[in-house]
Amino acid sequence: MEFAKDHVFYDGLKGHNVSMERIQGALEAIDDRRFGMYVDAIPVDWRNDNRDAPERIKDYLKQARDNSKKLFKKIREVLI
């Protein structure tokens, strides 16, 4: 998770006790149908350079949702 140190919010969040329950809950509440709607909303012009990017992004977000407890545990560890 070294890449997290380059995130725009890292310096502002590092060392602070930040509640992430709301964002974790929002991620966990996204169902597969909604992910499909997100992919469908991506303009066709954006797909021209990398046609599989929307599906890869959807798969990544699904994995984040399905492993949200581990993900947010790791995020908290990085921010301590």
N, C-alpha and C. Protein backbone atom coordinates (compact mmCIF):
# COMPACT_ATOMS: atom_id res chain seq x y z
N MET A 1 0.82 -1.20 0.00
CA MET A 1 0.00 0.00 0.00
C MET A 1 0.87 1.26 0.00
N GLU A 2 2.11 1.13 -0.41
CA GLU A 2 2.99 2.30 -0.48
C GLU A 2 2.42 3.38 -1.40
N PHE A 3 1.68 2.98 -2.43
CA PHE A 3 1.11 3.94 -3.36
C PHE A 3 0.15 4.90 -2.67
N ALA A 4 -0.40 4.50 -1.53
CA ALA A 4 -1.36 5.35 -0.81
C ALA A 4 -0.71 6.66 -0.38
N LYS A 5 0.58 6.65 -0.17
CA LYS A 5 1.28 7.86 0.26
C LYS A 5 1.26 8.94 -0.82
N ASP A 6 0.98 8.56 -2.05
CA ASP A 6 0.89 9.52 -3.15
C ASP A 6 -0.53 10.04 -3.35
N HIS A 7 -1.48 9.51 -2.59
CA HIS A 7 -2.88 9.92 -2.74
C HIS A 7 -3.06 11.37 -2.27
N VAL A 8 -3.92 12.09 -2.96
CA VAL A 8 -4.13 13.51 -2.68
C VAL A 8 -4.58 13.76 -1.23
N PHE A 9 -5.28 12.83 -0.60
CA PHE A 9 -5.78 13.03 0.75
C PHE A 9 -4.88 12.45 1.84
N TYR A 10 -3.82 11.76 1.46
CA TYR A 10 -2.99 11.05 2.43
C TYR A 10 -2.46 11.98 3.53
N ASP A 11 -1.81 13.06 3.16
CA ASP A 11 -1.21 13.94 4.16
C ASP A 11 -2.25 14.52 5.12
N GLY A 12 -3.43 14.84 4.62
CA GLY A 12 -4.48 15.40 5.46
C GLY A 12 -5.12 14.39 6.39
N LEU A 13 -5.05 13.10 6.03
CA LEU A 13 -5.69 12.06 6.85
C LEU A 13 -4.71 11.32 7.75
N LYS A 14 -3.44 11.29 7.37
CA LYS A 14 -2.43 10.54 8.12
C LYS A 14 -2.38 11.01 9.57
N GLY A 15 -2.50 10.05 10.48
CA GLY A 15 -2.40 10.34 11.91
C GLY A 15 -3.68 10.84 12.54
N HIS A 16 -4.74 10.99 11.77
CA HIS A 16 -6.01 11.44 12.31
C HIS A 16 -6.97 10.26 12.49
N ASN A 17 -7.77 10.33 13.51
CA ASN A 17 -8.78 9.30 13.73
C ASN A 17 -10.00 9.62 12.86
N VAL A 18 -10.05 9.00 11.72
CA VAL A 18 -11.08 9.29 10.72
C VAL A 18 -12.09 8.15 10.70
N SER A 19 -13.35 8.50 10.80
CA SER A 19 -14.41 7.49 10.71
C SER A 19 -14.64 7.14 9.24
N MET A 20 -14.60 5.87 8.94
CA MET A 20 -14.81 5.43 7.56
C MET A 20 -16.04 4.55 7.43
N GLU A 21 -16.82 4.47 8.49
CA GLU A 21 -17.99 3.59 8.46
C GLU A 21 -18.98 3.99 7.37
N ARG A 22 -19.16 5.29 7.17
CA ARG A 22 -20.13 5.74 6.17
C ARG A 22 -19.71 5.34 4.76
N ILE A 23 -18.45 5.58 4.41
CA ILE A 23 -18.01 5.23 3.06
C ILE A 23 -17.93 3.71 2.88
N GLN A 24 -17.55 3.00 3.94
CA GLN A 24 -17.53 1.54 3.86
C GLN A 24 -18.94 1.01 3.67
N GLY A 25 -19.89 1.54 4.41
CA GLY A 25 -21.29 1.12 4.27
C GLY A 25 -21.84 1.43 2.89
N ALA A 26 -21.46 2.59 2.34
CA ALA A 26 -21.93 2.95 1.00
C ALA A 26 -21.36 2.00 -0.04
N LEU A 27 -20.10 1.64 0.10
CA LEU A 27 -19.50 0.68 -0.84
C LEU A 27 -20.19 -0.67 -0.74
N GLU A 28 -20.42 -1.13 0.47
CA GLU A 28 -21.06 -2.44 0.68
C GLU A 28 -22.50 -2.46 0.16
N ALA A 29 -23.14 -1.30 0.07
CA ALA A 29 -24.54 -1.23 -0.36
C ALA A 29 -24.71 -1.26 -1.87
N ILE A 30 -23.63 -1.12 -2.62
CA ILE A 30 -23.74 -1.12 -4.08
C ILE A 30 -23.94 -2.56 -4.56
N ASP A 31 -25.04 -2.79 -5.24
CA ASP A 31 -25.30 -4.14 -5.74
C ASP A 31 -24.79 -4.27 -7.18
N ASP A 32 -24.75 -5.50 -7.67
CA ASP A 32 -24.21 -5.77 -9.00
C ASP A 32 -24.97 -5.03 -10.09
N ARG A 33 -26.27 -4.89 -9.93
CA ARG A 33 -27.08 -4.16 -10.91
C ARG A 33 -26.60 -2.72 -11.02
N ARG A 34 -26.31 -2.10 -9.88
CA ARG A 34 -25.85 -0.71 -9.86
C ARG A 34 -24.49 -0.60 -10.55
N PHE A 35 -23.59 -1.55 -10.30
CA PHE A 35 -22.30 -1.53 -10.99
C PHE A 35 -22.51 -1.56 -12.50
N GLY A 36 -23.45 -2.38 -12.95
CA GLY A 36 -23.76 -2.43 -14.39
C GLY A 36 -24.26 -1.09 -14.90
N MET A 37 -25.05 -0.41 -14.10
CA MET A 37 -25.55 0.92 -14.48
C MET A 37 -24.39 1.92 -14.60
N TYR A 38 -23.43 1.80 -13.70
CA TYR A 38 -22.26 2.69 -13.77
C TYR A 38 -21.50 2.46 -15.08
N VAL A 39 -21.29 1.21 -15.44
CA VAL A 39 -20.57 0.90 -16.67
C VAL A 39 -21.36 1.39 -17.88
N ASP A 40 -22.66 1.19 -17.86
CA ASP A 40 -23.49 1.63 -18.99
C ASP A 40 -23.47 3.15 -19.15
N ALA A 41 -23.22 3.88 -18.08
CA ALA A 41 -23.23 5.34 -18.13
C ALA A 41 -21.93 5.93 -18.68
N ILE A 42 -20.91 5.11 -18.84
CA ILE A 42 -19.64 5.61 -19.37
C ILE A 42 -19.81 5.92 -20.85
N PRO A 43 -19.49 7.15 -21.25
CA PRO A 43 -19.66 7.51 -22.67
C PRO A 43 -18.84 6.61 -23.60
N VAL A 44 -19.40 6.32 -24.75
CA VAL A 44 -18.75 5.46 -25.74
C VAL A 44 -17.39 6.03 -26.13
N ASP A 45 -17.29 7.34 -26.25
CA ASP A 45 -16.02 7.97 -26.63
C ASP A 45 -14.91 7.63 -25.65
N TRP A 46 -15.24 7.45 -24.41
CA TRP A 46 -14.23 7.15 -23.39
C TRP A 46 -13.72 5.71 -23.51
N ARG A 47 -14.49 4.88 -24.18
CA ARG A 47 -14.13 3.46 -24.31
C ARG A 47 -13.22 3.20 -25.51
N ASN A 48 -13.08 4.15 -26.39
CA ASN A 48 -12.36 3.94 -27.64
C ASN A 48 -10.92 3.52 -27.43
N ASP A 49 -10.24 4.14 -26.47
CA ASP A 49 -8.83 3.84 -26.26
C ASP A 49 -8.61 2.52 -25.51
N ASN A 50 -9.55 2.18 -24.65
CA ASN A 50 -9.37 0.99 -23.82
C ASN A 50 -10.73 0.38 -23.55
N ARG A 51 -11.20 -0.43 -24.45
CA ARG A 51 -12.56 -0.94 -24.40
C ARG A 51 -12.87 -1.79 -23.17
N ASP A 52 -11.86 -2.44 -22.60
CA ASP A 52 -12.14 -3.29 -21.45
C ASP A 52 -12.00 -2.55 -20.11
N ALA A 53 -11.59 -1.29 -20.14
CA ALA A 53 -11.41 -0.52 -18.90
C ALA A 53 -12.68 -0.46 -18.05
N PRO A 54 -13.86 -0.19 -18.62
CA PRO A 54 -15.06 -0.15 -17.76
C PRO A 54 -15.32 -1.45 -17.02
N GLU A 55 -15.13 -2.57 -17.69
CA GLU A 55 -15.34 -3.87 -17.03
C GLU A 55 -14.28 -4.13 -15.97
N ARG A 56 -13.05 -3.73 -16.25
CA ARG A 56 -11.97 -3.90 -15.26
C ARG A 56 -12.24 -3.04 -14.02
N ILE A 57 -12.71 -1.82 -14.25
CA ILE A 57 -13.05 -0.94 -13.13
C ILE A 57 -14.19 -1.54 -12.32
N LYS A 58 -15.20 -2.05 -13.01
CA LYS A 58 -16.34 -2.67 -12.32
C LYS A 58 -15.87 -3.86 -11.50
N ASP A 59 -15.03 -4.70 -12.07
CA ASP A 59 -14.51 -5.87 -11.34
C ASP A 59 -13.70 -5.44 -10.13
N TYR A 60 -12.89 -4.40 -10.28
CA TYR A 60 -12.08 -3.88 -9.17
C TYR A 60 -12.99 -3.40 -8.04
N LEU A 61 -14.02 -2.64 -8.39
CA LEU A 61 -14.94 -2.12 -7.36
C LEU A 61 -15.72 -3.24 -6.69
N LYS A 62 -16.09 -4.26 -7.45
CA LYS A 62 -16.78 -5.41 -6.86
C LYS A 62 -15.87 -6.11 -5.85
N GLN A 63 -14.60 -6.27 -6.21
CA GLN A 63 -13.65 -6.90 -5.29
C GLN A 63 -13.49 -6.05 -4.03
N ALA A 64 -13.45 -4.73 -4.21
CA ALA A 64 -13.34 -3.83 -3.05
C ALA A 64 -14.57 -3.99 -2.16
N ARG A 65 -15.74 -4.06 -2.77
CA ARG A 65 -16.98 -4.25 -2.01
C ARG A 65 -16.98 -5.58 -1.28
N ASP A 66 -16.63 -6.64 -2.00
CA ASP A 66 -16.69 -7.98 -1.44
C ASP A 66 -15.63 -8.22 -0.37
N ASN A 67 -14.60 -7.39 -0.35
CA ASN A 67 -13.52 -7.51 0.63
C ASN A 67 -13.39 -6.23 1.45
N SER A 68 -14.50 -5.53 1.65
CA SER A 68 -14.45 -4.20 2.25
C SER A 68 -13.89 -4.21 3.68
N LYS A 69 -14.18 -5.24 4.44
CA LYS A 69 -13.66 -5.27 5.82
C LYS A 69 -12.14 -5.31 5.82
N LYS A 70 -11.55 -6.16 4.98
CA LYS A 70 -10.09 -6.23 4.87
C LYS A 70 -9.52 -4.94 4.29
N LEU A 71 -10.20 -4.41 3.28
CA LEU A 71 -9.75 -3.19 2.63
C LEU A 71 -9.68 -2.03 3.61
N PHE A 72 -10.76 -1.80 4.36
CA PHE A 72 -10.78 -0.66 5.27
C PHE A 72 -9.89 -0.89 6.49
N LYS A 73 -9.69 -2.12 6.85
CA LYS A 73 -8.73 -2.42 7.92
C LYS A 73 -7.33 -1.99 7.48
N LYS A 74 -6.98 -2.32 6.25
CA LYS A 74 -5.68 -1.96 5.70
C LYS A 74 -5.55 -0.45 5.56
N ILE A 75 -6.60 0.20 5.11
CA ILE A 75 -6.57 1.67 4.99
C ILE A 75 -6.32 2.31 6.34
N ARG A 76 -7.00 1.81 7.37
CA ARG A 76 -6.79 2.35 8.72
C ARG A 76 -5.35 2.14 9.17
N GLU A 77 -4.79 0.96 8.88
CA GLU A 77 -3.40 0.69 9.25
C GLU A 77 -2.44 1.67 8.56
N VAL A 78 -2.69 1.96 7.31
CA VAL A 78 -1.82 2.85 6.56
C VAL A 78 -1.90 4.28 7.12
N LEU A 79 -3.06 4.65 7.61
CA LEU A 79 -3.26 6.03 8.09
C LEU A 79 -2.84 6.24 9.53
N ILE A 80 -2.55 5.18 10.26
CA ILE A 80 -2.15 5.33 11.67
C ILE A 80 -0.78 5.98 11.74
